[in-house]
Amino acid sequence: MKLRKPRTYRKGRIEIIPMIDVMFFLLATFMLSSLSMQNLDSLQVNLPQGKAEKLKADSPVTLTLTADSKILVNRTPVTLQTLAATLGPLLKNSQQGVVVSADNAAPQGIVVQAMLQARAAGARNFLIAVKHE
C-alpha cells in the first residue's frame, strides 16, 4: 500500500509589486526629509531683491548683519573684534563659503568691515543672500 503525502508543497514565488510600492514610499520619504534638513543658521532679515543661483554648499557658515548693526555668526552674537576668532574654527577649509545675510537697511560700512574680518579669519568665498523676486 502506497501512502500519499498529507501535504503538497508548492514552489515559492517572490511578488515584486509590493516591493516596488515599498521602495517608492521609502524614496519619497527620504527625499522629503532631506529637503527639510537644509537650513541656514541666520535670523530673519529683510534681504535685498535680486537674482542668484541656489546655494549648493553642505553646511555653510552664515554671517548675519541686522539693521541695527548687530553681527551674528550662525546665530551667535559677536562683535567686530571677536568676529575673526569666532569664525576661524568654523571654517573647515579655505574653499568653504561664508553666506553673508545682511539686512537691506544695514549700514554698508559695517557689512564691509565684517566681510574684511571674515577674510582675516580665512574665508575666501562669500555668498550674498538675496530674496528671490
Protein backbone atom coordinates (compact mmCIF):
# COMPACT_ATOMS: atom_id res chain seq x y z
CA MET A 1 0.00 0.00 0.00
CA LYS A 2 1.34 3.34 -1.04
CA LEU A 3 0.81 6.30 1.30
CA ARG A 4 0.29 9.75 -0.06
CA LYS A 5 1.96 12.72 1.46
CA PRO A 6 -0.51 14.64 3.57
CA ARG A 7 0.60 17.98 2.15
CA THR A 8 1.66 19.00 -1.29
CA TYR A 9 4.45 21.53 -1.46
CA ARG A 10 4.27 24.40 -3.87
CA LYS A 11 7.27 26.26 -5.13
CA GLY A 12 7.61 29.74 -3.53
CA ARG A 13 7.24 32.92 -5.55
CA ILE A 14 8.55 36.39 -4.96
CA GLU A 15 5.93 39.05 -5.55
CA ILE A 16 7.68 42.15 -6.87
CA ILE A 17 4.76 44.62 -7.00
CA PRO A 18 4.53 45.15 -3.20
CA MET A 19 8.31 45.52 -3.06
CA ILE A 20 8.20 48.29 -5.67
CA ASP A 21 5.50 50.09 -3.68
CA VAL A 22 7.57 49.94 -0.50
CA MET A 23 10.73 51.17 -2.27
CA PHE A 24 8.84 54.10 -3.83
CA PHE A 25 7.44 55.05 -0.43
CA LEU A 26 10.93 54.95 1.13
CA LEU A 27 12.37 57.03 -1.71
CA ALA A 28 9.69 59.70 -1.34
CA THR A 29 10.12 59.76 2.44
CA PHE A 30 13.89 60.22 2.28
CA MET A 31 13.62 62.90 -0.40
CA LEU A 32 11.14 64.93 1.64
CA SER A 33 13.10 64.54 4.87
CA SER A 34 16.38 65.56 3.23
CA LEU A 35 14.76 68.71 1.83
CA SER A 36 13.55 69.72 5.26
CA MET A 37 17.01 69.21 6.79
CA GLN A 38 18.66 72.05 4.87
CA ASN A 39 18.63 75.21 6.90
CA LEU A 40 20.67 78.33 7.28
CA ASP A 41 21.68 79.41 10.75
CA SER A 42 20.60 83.00 10.32
CA LEU A 43 18.00 85.34 11.69
CA GLN A 44 15.12 86.71 9.69
CA VAL A 45 16.35 89.88 7.99
CA ASN A 46 14.96 91.99 5.17
CA LEU A 47 17.15 90.82 2.28
CA PRO A 48 17.66 92.87 -0.86
CA GLN A 49 15.92 91.69 -4.04
CA GLY A 50 17.99 90.01 -6.72
CA LYS A 51 18.52 87.01 -8.95
CA ALA A 52 21.00 84.39 -7.76
CA GLU A 53 21.63 80.68 -8.06
CA LYS A 54 20.55 78.35 -5.30
CA LEU A 55 23.07 77.52 -2.59
CA LYS A 56 24.98 74.28 -3.20
CA ALA A 57 27.06 74.17 0.00
CA ASP A 58 26.76 71.34 2.54
CA SER A 59 26.79 73.28 5.79
CA PRO A 60 27.62 76.91 5.15
CA VAL A 61 28.72 79.35 7.80
CA THR A 62 26.23 82.22 7.96
CA LEU A 63 27.29 85.77 8.77
CA THR A 64 24.16 87.78 9.62
CA LEU A 65 24.09 91.58 9.86
CA THR A 66 20.92 93.20 11.16
CA ALA A 67 19.55 96.69 10.54
CA ASP A 68 20.75 97.87 13.96
CA SER A 69 24.38 96.79 13.17
CA LYS A 70 24.36 93.57 15.20
CA ILE A 71 26.66 90.83 13.87
CA LEU A 72 25.86 87.14 14.30
CA VAL A 73 27.81 84.06 13.22
CA ASN A 74 25.44 81.08 12.98
CA ARG A 75 23.04 82.82 15.42
CA THR A 76 25.87 83.55 17.88
CA PRO A 77 26.23 87.28 18.64
CA VAL A 78 29.75 88.61 18.07
CA THR A 79 31.47 91.98 17.75
CA LEU A 80 33.81 93.15 15.00
CA GLN A 81 36.77 92.48 17.29
CA THR A 82 35.75 88.88 18.10
CA LEU A 83 34.43 88.02 14.63
CA ALA A 84 37.70 86.59 13.29
CA ALA A 85 38.30 84.48 16.42
CA THR A 86 34.76 83.08 16.32
CA LEU A 87 34.65 82.45 12.58
CA GLY A 88 38.13 80.89 12.22
CA PRO A 89 37.38 77.48 13.83
CA LEU A 90 34.07 77.17 11.93
CA LEU A 91 35.79 77.27 8.53
CA LYS A 92 36.75 73.71 7.61
CA ASN A 93 38.86 74.69 4.60
CA SER A 94 39.72 77.78 2.61
CA GLN A 95 37.23 76.84 -0.14
CA GLN A 96 34.21 76.83 2.19
CA GLY A 97 31.88 79.74 1.51
CA VAL A 98 30.50 82.19 4.04
CA VAL A 99 26.89 83.24 3.43
CA VAL A 100 26.53 86.97 4.12
CA SER A 101 22.93 87.63 5.10
CA ALA A 102 22.79 91.41 5.51
CA ASP A 103 19.59 93.32 6.14
CA ASN A 104 18.60 95.77 3.42
CA ALA A 105 18.77 98.62 5.95
CA ALA A 106 22.14 97.57 7.45
CA PRO A 107 24.86 100.21 7.11
CA GLN A 108 27.16 99.42 4.22
CA GLY A 109 30.25 100.19 6.28
CA ILE A 110 29.53 97.53 8.89
CA VAL A 111 28.90 94.94 6.17
CA VAL A 112 32.25 95.67 4.52
CA GLN A 113 34.09 95.65 7.86
CA ALA A 114 32.50 92.32 8.81
CA MET A 115 33.50 90.81 5.46
CA LEU A 116 37.08 92.06 5.92
CA GLN A 117 37.22 90.48 9.38
CA ALA A 118 35.86 87.22 7.92
CA ARG A 119 38.57 87.36 5.26
CA ALA A 120 41.17 87.78 8.02
CA ALA A 121 39.73 84.63 9.66
CA GLY A 122 40.42 82.64 6.49
CA ALA A 123 37.22 82.98 4.44
CA ARG A 124 37.93 83.29 0.72
CA ASN A 125 34.49 82.75 -0.85
CA PHE A 126 31.49 84.89 0.06
CA LEU A 127 27.91 84.14 -0.96
CA ILE A 128 25.46 87.03 -0.69
CA ALA A 129 21.94 86.03 0.40
CA VAL A 130 19.16 87.74 -1.57
CA LYS A 131 15.38 87.47 -1.68
CA HIS A 132 14.16 85.92 -4.94
CA GLU A 133 11.86 88.09 -6.99
